[in-house]
N, C-alpha and C. Protein backbone atom coordinates (compact mmCIF):
# COMPACT_ATOMS: atom_id res chain seq x y z
N MET A 1 -12.17 -14.13 -48.56
CA MET A 1 -12.59 -14.34 -47.17
C MET A 1 -11.66 -14.84 -46.09
N LYS A 2 -10.86 -15.62 -46.50
CA LYS A 2 -9.85 -16.10 -45.65
C LYS A 2 -8.84 -15.05 -45.29
N ILE A 3 -8.27 -14.37 -46.14
CA ILE A 3 -7.55 -13.19 -45.88
C ILE A 3 -8.14 -11.93 -44.90
N PHE A 4 -9.45 -11.94 -45.11
CA PHE A 4 -10.34 -11.06 -44.08
C PHE A 4 -9.95 -11.48 -42.67
N PHE A 5 -10.55 -12.64 -42.50
CA PHE A 5 -10.15 -13.20 -40.99
C PHE A 5 -8.91 -13.16 -40.57
N ARG A 6 -7.74 -13.58 -41.40
CA ARG A 6 -6.41 -13.22 -41.04
C ARG A 6 -6.24 -11.89 -40.55
N TYR A 7 -6.78 -10.93 -41.41
CA TYR A 7 -6.55 -9.62 -41.16
C TYR A 7 -7.27 -9.18 -39.75
N LEU A 8 -8.40 -9.41 -39.59
CA LEU A 8 -9.04 -9.33 -38.41
C LEU A 8 -8.41 -9.91 -37.28
N PHE A 9 -7.91 -11.19 -37.17
CA PHE A 9 -7.13 -11.90 -36.20
C PHE A 9 -5.95 -11.18 -35.89
N LEU A 10 -5.29 -10.63 -36.90
CA LEU A 10 -3.97 -9.95 -36.62
C LEU A 10 -4.25 -8.49 -35.98
N MET A 11 -5.40 -7.98 -36.47
CA MET A 11 -5.77 -6.67 -35.62
C MET A 11 -6.14 -6.94 -34.32
N PHE A 12 -6.88 -8.18 -34.03
CA PHE A 12 -7.17 -8.32 -32.62
C PHE A 12 -5.76 -8.28 -31.82
N ILE A 13 -5.10 -9.35 -32.08
CA ILE A 13 -3.66 -9.62 -31.50
C ILE A 13 -2.97 -8.10 -31.32
N PHE A 14 -2.79 -7.30 -32.27
CA PHE A 14 -2.17 -6.02 -32.23
C PHE A 14 -2.83 -5.24 -31.10
N ASN A 15 -4.14 -5.12 -31.15
CA ASN A 15 -4.82 -4.24 -30.19
C ASN A 15 -4.58 -4.84 -28.82
N LEU A 16 -4.77 -6.11 -28.74
CA LEU A 16 -4.41 -6.73 -27.36
C LEU A 16 -2.98 -6.36 -26.84
N LEU A 17 -2.11 -6.61 -27.80
CA LEU A 17 -0.65 -6.18 -27.32
C LEU A 17 -0.42 -4.84 -26.98
N ILE A 18 -0.94 -3.89 -27.59
CA ILE A 18 -1.11 -2.37 -27.25
C ILE A 18 -1.64 -2.15 -26.13
N SER A 19 -2.90 -2.91 -25.76
CA SER A 19 -3.50 -2.53 -24.57
C SER A 19 -2.73 -3.16 -23.27
N CYS A 20 -2.22 -4.28 -23.55
CA CYS A 20 -1.30 -4.97 -22.28
C CYS A 20 -0.04 -4.04 -22.20
N ASP A 21 0.38 -3.47 -23.14
CA ASP A 21 1.51 -2.48 -22.90
C ASP A 21 1.03 -1.31 -22.35
N LYS A 22 0.06 -0.86 -22.64
CA LYS A 22 -0.41 0.30 -21.63
C LYS A 22 -0.66 -0.10 -20.30
N THR A 23 -1.21 -1.20 -20.04
CA THR A 23 -1.60 -1.54 -18.61
C THR A 23 -0.26 -1.93 -17.89
N LYS A 24 0.68 -2.39 -18.29
CA LYS A 24 1.99 -2.59 -17.85
C LYS A 24 2.48 -1.25 -17.58
N ILE A 25 2.66 -0.34 -18.46
CA ILE A 25 3.28 0.87 -17.96
C ILE A 25 2.35 1.59 -16.98
N TRP A 26 1.07 1.53 -16.96
CA TRP A 26 0.20 2.23 -15.78
C TRP A 26 0.64 1.40 -14.51
N TRP A 27 0.67 0.19 -14.61
CA TRP A 27 1.01 -0.40 -13.39
C TRP A 27 2.23 -0.05 -12.74
N GLU A 28 3.33 -0.04 -13.80
CA GLU A 28 4.70 0.39 -13.07
C GLU A 28 4.71 1.84 -12.56
N ASP A 29 4.02 2.76 -13.45
CA ASP A 29 4.20 4.10 -13.04
C ASP A 29 3.18 4.55 -11.83
N TYR A 30 2.02 3.58 -11.50
CA TYR A 30 1.45 4.04 -10.35
C TYR A 30 1.81 3.80 -9.14
N ASP A 31 2.06 4.79 -8.29
CA ASP A 31 2.59 4.59 -6.88
C ASP A 31 1.90 5.40 -5.97
N HIS A 32 2.57 5.63 -4.78
CA HIS A 32 2.08 6.34 -3.62
C HIS A 32 1.99 7.88 -4.09
N GLU A 33 2.78 8.41 -4.71
CA GLU A 33 2.78 9.68 -5.16
C GLU A 33 1.41 9.90 -5.91
N ASP A 34 0.96 8.97 -7.03
CA ASP A 34 -0.17 9.09 -7.68
C ASP A 34 -1.41 9.22 -6.78
N ALA A 35 -1.61 8.38 -5.85
CA ALA A 35 -2.34 8.04 -4.64
C ALA A 35 -2.53 9.26 -4.01
N LEU A 36 -1.56 9.68 -3.58
CA LEU A 36 -1.22 10.83 -2.64
C LEU A 36 -1.99 12.20 -3.34
N THR A 37 -1.49 12.47 -4.53
CA THR A 37 -1.91 13.50 -5.15
C THR A 37 -3.48 13.50 -5.61
N SER A 38 -4.10 12.23 -5.74
CA SER A 38 -5.56 11.98 -5.93
C SER A 38 -6.44 12.09 -4.72
N SER A 39 -5.68 12.13 -3.53
CA SER A 39 -6.34 11.82 -2.23
C SER A 39 -7.07 13.20 -1.62
N THR A 40 -8.23 13.06 -1.14
CA THR A 40 -8.64 14.10 -0.19
C THR A 40 -8.77 13.89 1.02
N LYS A 41 -8.40 12.63 1.34
CA LYS A 41 -8.51 12.09 2.68
C LYS A 41 -7.57 10.65 2.85
N ILE A 42 -6.96 10.60 3.76
CA ILE A 42 -6.09 9.35 4.20
C ILE A 42 -6.50 8.92 5.62
N VAL A 43 -6.81 7.62 5.63
CA VAL A 43 -7.13 7.01 7.06
C VAL A 43 -6.20 5.94 7.32
N ILE A 44 -5.48 6.01 8.50
CA ILE A 44 -4.52 5.02 9.11
C ILE A 44 -4.97 4.40 10.02
N GLU A 45 -5.13 3.09 10.15
CA GLU A 45 -5.83 2.14 11.09
C GLU A 45 -4.58 1.18 11.54
N SER A 46 -4.72 0.98 12.91
CA SER A 46 -3.84 0.07 13.47
C SER A 46 -4.41 -1.24 13.31
N ASP A 47 -3.76 -2.36 13.03
CA ASP A 47 -4.33 -3.65 12.67
C ASP A 47 -3.48 -4.80 13.22
N ILE A 48 -3.23 -4.66 14.50
CA ILE A 48 -2.33 -5.37 15.42
C ILE A 48 -3.12 -6.64 16.04
N PRO A 49 -2.96 -7.77 15.56
CA PRO A 49 -3.75 -8.82 16.08
C PRO A 49 -3.12 -9.29 17.44
N PHE A 50 -4.02 -9.80 18.19
CA PHE A 50 -3.70 -10.38 19.74
C PHE A 50 -2.81 -11.59 19.55
N TYR A 51 -1.84 -11.70 20.03
CA TYR A 51 -1.02 -12.90 20.04
C TYR A 51 -0.92 -13.33 21.30
N TYR A 52 -0.74 -14.74 21.73
CA TYR A 52 -0.43 -15.09 22.89
C TYR A 52 0.47 -16.23 22.89
N GLN A 53 1.23 -16.51 23.78
CA GLN A 53 2.31 -17.46 24.01
C GLN A 53 1.75 -19.06 24.39
N TYR A 54 2.09 -19.75 23.54
CA TYR A 54 1.51 -21.36 24.12
C TYR A 54 2.77 -22.18 23.83
N LYS A 55 3.33 -22.65 24.85
CA LYS A 55 4.50 -23.51 24.89
C LYS A 55 5.54 -22.81 24.29
N ASP A 56 6.05 -23.16 23.22
CA ASP A 56 7.44 -22.42 22.55
C ASP A 56 6.88 -21.62 21.26
N THR A 57 5.55 -21.67 20.98
CA THR A 57 5.25 -21.12 19.69
C THR A 57 4.19 -19.85 20.11
N ILE A 58 4.33 -18.84 19.18
CA ILE A 58 3.23 -17.74 19.41
C ILE A 58 2.06 -17.93 18.36
N VAL A 59 0.89 -17.88 19.14
CA VAL A 59 -0.24 -18.36 18.42
C VAL A 59 -1.16 -16.95 18.09
N LEU A 60 -1.77 -16.92 17.05
CA LEU A 60 -2.79 -15.72 16.83
C LEU A 60 -4.04 -16.10 17.13
N ASN A 61 -4.57 -15.40 18.01
CA ASN A 61 -6.03 -15.72 18.42
C ASN A 61 -7.03 -15.05 17.57
N LYS A 62 -7.55 -15.95 16.47
CA LYS A 62 -8.41 -15.14 15.50
C LYS A 62 -9.57 -14.77 15.85
N ASP A 63 -10.20 -15.16 17.04
CA ASP A 63 -11.67 -14.77 17.51
C ASP A 63 -11.38 -13.43 18.36
N SER A 64 -10.12 -13.07 18.47
CA SER A 64 -10.04 -11.66 19.27
C SER A 64 -10.27 -10.39 18.43
N VAL A 65 -10.64 -9.33 19.24
CA VAL A 65 -10.87 -8.22 18.48
C VAL A 65 -9.56 -7.41 18.64
N VAL A 66 -9.15 -6.37 17.99
CA VAL A 66 -8.00 -5.65 17.98
C VAL A 66 -8.42 -4.76 19.13
N VAL A 67 -7.51 -4.69 20.28
CA VAL A 67 -7.87 -3.78 21.29
C VAL A 67 -7.06 -2.56 21.19
N ASN A 68 -7.76 -1.47 21.67
CA ASN A 68 -7.23 -0.14 21.59
C ASN A 68 -6.59 0.06 20.09
N LYS A 69 -7.64 -0.06 19.22
CA LYS A 69 -7.34 0.22 17.83
C LYS A 69 -7.08 1.76 17.61
N GLU A 70 -5.87 1.98 16.99
CA GLU A 70 -5.84 3.66 16.61
C GLU A 70 -6.21 3.71 15.25
N ILE A 71 -6.95 4.93 15.18
CA ILE A 71 -7.38 5.50 13.90
C ILE A 71 -7.02 6.96 13.75
N TYR A 72 -6.38 7.05 12.71
CA TYR A 72 -5.81 8.43 12.35
C TYR A 72 -6.44 8.91 10.89
N THR A 73 -6.99 10.15 10.97
CA THR A 73 -7.49 10.74 9.72
C THR A 73 -6.94 11.81 9.33
N ILE A 74 -6.53 11.94 8.06
CA ILE A 74 -5.64 12.91 7.53
C ILE A 74 -6.63 13.70 6.54
N LEU A 75 -7.01 14.91 6.83
CA LEU A 75 -7.82 15.59 5.93
C LEU A 75 -6.99 16.96 5.34
N SER A 76 -6.25 17.66 6.11
CA SER A 76 -5.83 18.99 5.83
C SER A 76 -4.51 18.58 4.69
N LYS A 77 -4.34 19.61 3.91
CA LYS A 77 -3.51 19.58 2.77
C LYS A 77 -1.98 19.46 3.29
N GLU A 78 -1.66 20.15 4.61
CA GLU A 78 -0.33 20.32 5.30
C GLU A 78 -0.19 18.80 5.74
N LYS A 79 -1.11 18.17 6.14
CA LYS A 79 -0.94 16.68 6.80
C LYS A 79 -0.56 15.88 5.84
N LEU A 80 -1.37 15.96 4.78
CA LEU A 80 -1.20 15.12 3.38
C LEU A 80 0.21 15.25 2.90
N GLU A 81 0.75 16.48 2.73
CA GLU A 81 2.02 16.87 2.48
C GLU A 81 3.02 16.20 3.31
N ASN A 82 2.81 16.21 4.51
CA ASN A 82 3.69 15.56 5.65
C ASN A 82 3.75 14.08 5.58
N PHE A 83 2.65 13.55 5.13
CA PHE A 83 2.58 12.10 4.83
C PHE A 83 3.45 11.88 3.56
N GLY A 84 3.37 12.56 2.88
CA GLY A 84 4.28 12.43 1.44
C GLY A 84 5.69 12.51 1.77
N ASN A 85 6.20 13.40 2.51
CA ASN A 85 7.39 13.73 3.12
C ASN A 85 8.13 12.50 3.66
N LEU A 86 7.29 11.51 4.20
CA LEU A 86 7.77 10.26 4.75
C LEU A 86 8.50 9.33 3.82
N PHE A 87 8.30 9.75 2.50
CA PHE A 87 8.89 9.04 1.35
C PHE A 87 10.08 9.61 0.87
N VAL A 88 10.30 10.74 1.06
CA VAL A 88 11.54 11.36 0.96
C VAL A 88 12.96 10.89 1.41
N ASN A 89 13.64 10.30 0.49
CA ASN A 89 15.09 9.62 0.79
C ASN A 89 14.75 8.22 1.37
N SER A 90 13.62 7.51 0.93
CA SER A 90 13.17 6.32 1.66
C SER A 90 13.42 5.37 0.41
N GLU A 91 13.77 4.05 0.79
CA GLU A 91 14.34 3.22 -0.26
C GLU A 91 13.15 2.35 -0.86
N ARG A 92 12.84 2.19 -2.08
CA ARG A 92 11.87 1.56 -2.78
C ARG A 92 12.45 0.31 -3.13
N THR A 93 11.72 -0.77 -2.58
CA THR A 93 12.08 -2.03 -2.75
C THR A 93 11.19 -2.76 -3.90
N GLY A 94 11.58 -3.88 -4.37
CA GLY A 94 10.64 -4.68 -5.20
C GLY A 94 9.70 -5.57 -4.42
N TYR A 95 9.48 -6.67 -5.10
CA TYR A 95 8.36 -7.49 -4.48
C TYR A 95 8.72 -7.96 -3.12
N CYS A 96 7.83 -7.73 -2.15
CA CYS A 96 8.21 -8.26 -0.69
C CYS A 96 7.16 -9.36 -0.44
N CYS A 97 7.80 -10.45 0.27
CA CYS A 97 7.00 -11.71 0.57
C CYS A 97 6.53 -11.76 2.02
N CYS A 98 5.21 -11.69 2.27
CA CYS A 98 4.85 -12.09 3.56
C CYS A 98 4.92 -11.14 4.55
N PRO A 99 5.09 -9.88 4.62
CA PRO A 99 5.13 -8.95 5.68
C PRO A 99 3.77 -9.10 6.47
N THR A 100 4.05 -8.58 7.73
CA THR A 100 2.90 -8.39 8.73
C THR A 100 2.30 -7.10 8.70
N THR A 101 0.99 -7.24 8.74
CA THR A 101 0.34 -5.81 8.60
C THR A 101 -0.07 -5.54 10.10
N SER A 102 0.68 -4.18 10.32
CA SER A 102 0.55 -3.53 11.59
C SER A 102 -0.56 -2.41 11.45
N TYR A 103 -0.52 -1.80 10.26
CA TYR A 103 -1.38 -0.62 10.01
C TYR A 103 -1.86 -0.84 8.64
N THR A 104 -3.19 -0.19 8.24
CA THR A 104 -3.54 -0.09 6.97
C THR A 104 -3.65 1.41 6.68
N ILE A 105 -3.24 1.86 5.38
CA ILE A 105 -3.45 3.31 5.12
C ILE A 105 -4.29 3.32 3.89
N SER A 106 -5.60 3.85 4.10
CA SER A 106 -6.56 3.72 3.11
C SER A 106 -6.71 5.27 2.40
N PHE A 107 -6.42 5.29 0.95
CA PHE A 107 -6.67 6.68 0.28
C PHE A 107 -7.96 6.74 -0.26
N TYR A 108 -8.43 7.95 0.06
CA TYR A 108 -9.75 8.18 -0.36
C TYR A 108 -9.87 9.51 -1.32
N TYR A 109 -10.81 9.48 -2.27
CA TYR A 109 -11.16 10.59 -3.09
C TYR A 109 -12.46 10.90 -2.68
N HIS A 110 -12.79 11.88 -1.77
CA HIS A 110 -14.07 12.14 -1.23
C HIS A 110 -14.79 10.98 -0.53
N ARG A 111 -15.38 10.25 -1.04
CA ARG A 111 -15.98 9.04 -0.07
C ARG A 111 -15.48 7.83 -0.66
N ASN A 112 -14.71 7.82 -1.86
CA ASN A 112 -14.37 6.87 -2.54
C ASN A 112 -13.10 5.99 -2.04
N ASN A 113 -13.05 4.94 -1.48
CA ASN A 113 -11.58 4.52 -1.25
C ASN A 113 -11.06 3.73 -2.40
N PHE A 114 -9.98 4.30 -2.86
CA PHE A 114 -9.34 3.85 -4.24
C PHE A 114 -7.97 3.11 -4.19
N GLU A 115 -7.27 3.34 -2.95
CA GLU A 115 -6.12 2.58 -2.92
C GLU A 115 -5.59 2.21 -1.45
N LEU A 116 -5.13 0.98 -1.17
CA LEU A 116 -4.81 0.51 0.01
C LEU A 116 -3.54 0.18 0.07
N TYR A 117 -2.70 0.83 1.19
CA TYR A 117 -1.54 0.18 1.43
C TYR A 117 -1.42 -0.11 2.89
N GLU A 118 -0.39 -1.09 3.17
CA GLU A 118 -0.08 -1.74 4.57
C GLU A 118 1.19 -1.31 5.13
N VAL A 119 1.36 -1.39 6.18
CA VAL A 119 2.58 -1.01 7.01
C VAL A 119 3.02 -2.26 7.93
N ASP A 120 4.42 -2.62 7.74
CA ASP A 120 4.98 -3.70 8.62
C ASP A 120 5.69 -2.90 9.60
N THR A 121 5.55 -2.91 10.98
CA THR A 121 6.58 -2.23 11.82
C THR A 121 7.18 -3.36 12.78
N ILE A 122 6.96 -4.58 12.29
CA ILE A 122 7.67 -5.57 12.93
C ILE A 122 9.02 -6.16 12.55
N GLU A 123 9.10 -6.21 11.14
CA GLU A 123 10.12 -6.94 10.48
C GLU A 123 11.48 -6.48 10.58
N PHE A 124 11.61 -5.07 10.84
CA PHE A 124 12.76 -4.48 11.04
C PHE A 124 12.84 -3.67 12.51
N LYS A 125 13.85 -3.58 12.86
CA LYS A 125 14.12 -2.83 14.22
C LYS A 125 13.83 -1.31 14.10
N ASP A 126 14.59 -1.00 13.27
CA ASP A 126 14.58 0.66 12.84
C ASP A 126 14.06 1.22 11.71
N LYS A 127 13.27 0.27 11.09
CA LYS A 127 12.64 0.80 9.82
C LYS A 127 10.96 0.23 9.87
N VAL A 128 10.06 0.88 8.97
CA VAL A 128 8.85 0.27 8.72
C VAL A 128 8.76 0.09 7.31
N ARG A 129 7.97 -0.84 6.82
CA ARG A 129 7.93 -1.20 5.44
C ARG A 129 6.47 -0.81 5.02
N ILE A 130 6.28 0.11 4.12
CA ILE A 130 5.05 0.54 3.48
C ILE A 130 5.05 0.04 2.22
N PHE A 131 3.83 -1.01 2.28
CA PHE A 131 3.66 -1.81 0.91
C PHE A 131 2.42 -1.67 0.33
N GLU A 132 2.54 -1.90 -1.06
CA GLU A 132 1.39 -1.90 -1.70
C GLU A 132 0.74 -3.45 -1.51
N SER A 133 -0.58 -3.35 -1.43
CA SER A 133 -1.58 -4.58 -0.93
C SER A 133 -0.92 -5.72 -1.68
N SER A 134 -0.72 -5.57 -3.03
CA SER A 134 -0.40 -6.86 -3.55
C SER A 134 1.25 -7.30 -3.37
N TYR A 135 1.72 -6.40 -2.77
CA TYR A 135 3.21 -6.66 -2.42
C TYR A 135 4.25 -6.54 -3.51
N GLN A 136 3.78 -5.94 -4.48
CA GLN A 136 4.64 -5.69 -5.61
C GLN A 136 5.81 -4.79 -5.53
N TYR A 137 5.70 -3.98 -4.54
CA TYR A 137 6.64 -2.88 -4.27
C TYR A 137 6.41 -2.44 -2.87
N SER A 138 7.50 -1.77 -2.17
CA SER A 138 7.51 -1.28 -0.88
C SER A 138 8.53 -0.17 -0.67
N TYR A 139 8.24 0.60 0.39
CA TYR A 139 9.04 1.62 0.74
C TYR A 139 9.67 1.40 2.34
N LEU A 140 10.99 1.37 2.49
CA LEU A 140 11.43 1.23 3.86
C LEU A 140 11.70 2.90 4.20
N ILE A 141 11.02 3.02 5.43
CA ILE A 141 11.09 4.39 6.05
C ILE A 141 11.52 4.14 7.59
N GLU A 142 12.34 5.09 8.00
CA GLU A 142 12.94 5.20 9.23
C GLU A 142 11.65 5.09 10.20
N LYS A 143 11.66 4.07 11.44
CA LYS A 143 10.75 3.84 12.45
C LYS A 143 10.45 5.08 13.04
N LYS A 144 11.55 5.89 13.38
CA LYS A 144 11.44 7.24 14.09
C LYS A 144 10.67 8.17 13.38
N LYS A 145 10.88 8.27 12.07
CA LYS A 145 9.90 9.18 11.30
C LYS A 145 8.50 8.76 11.31
N TRP A 146 8.28 7.48 11.22
CA TRP A 146 6.98 6.92 11.19
C TRP A 146 6.39 7.29 12.65
N LYS A 147 6.93 7.10 13.50
CA LYS A 147 6.32 7.47 15.16
C LYS A 147 6.07 8.73 15.13
N GLU A 148 7.04 9.74 14.81
CA GLU A 148 6.71 11.02 14.87
C GLU A 148 5.66 11.56 13.87
N PHE A 149 5.58 11.12 12.95
CA PHE A 149 4.23 11.45 12.25
C PHE A 149 3.04 10.97 12.62
N LEU A 150 2.91 9.91 13.27
CA LEU A 150 1.63 9.44 13.95
C LEU A 150 1.48 10.27 15.10
N ARG A 151 2.33 10.60 15.86
CA ARG A 151 2.22 11.42 17.11
C ARG A 151 1.79 12.89 16.63
N SER A 152 2.19 13.31 15.34
CA SER A 152 1.75 14.72 14.95
C SER A 152 0.41 14.68 14.50
N LEU A 153 -0.33 13.58 14.48
CA LEU A 153 -1.65 13.58 13.89
C LEU A 153 -2.64 13.69 15.36
């Protein structure tokens, strides 16, 4: 009986290790390309909060509403491909701490929102950071390309 429980315990640990390994592989391999190929619609929304100057500090007015919110909806296959082209020759970075969200990018499969990315247009002068919502990785894209893409929508 004691051997049976040891065997059962070892099988449990073995299955746990295998499933964790699969989760790790899935997590590392899942990126914007998977989200893009699975998408039937992408919605990009501006998320720039209202700041005001108070003495020598900048204060976020949490009670304010985002004024002139921009909303871009991408439905056509051509525009989805153009969005994917933003990432060509872009730099992929690792964990990024505390970027400022200027835009959100929601990936949809029909009506189901299955992935969310965010865009920081403030950190760099000539680049934008498109980052995965849990900050695990990001892409640095030329700000000029980002602005041109939004204008094309």
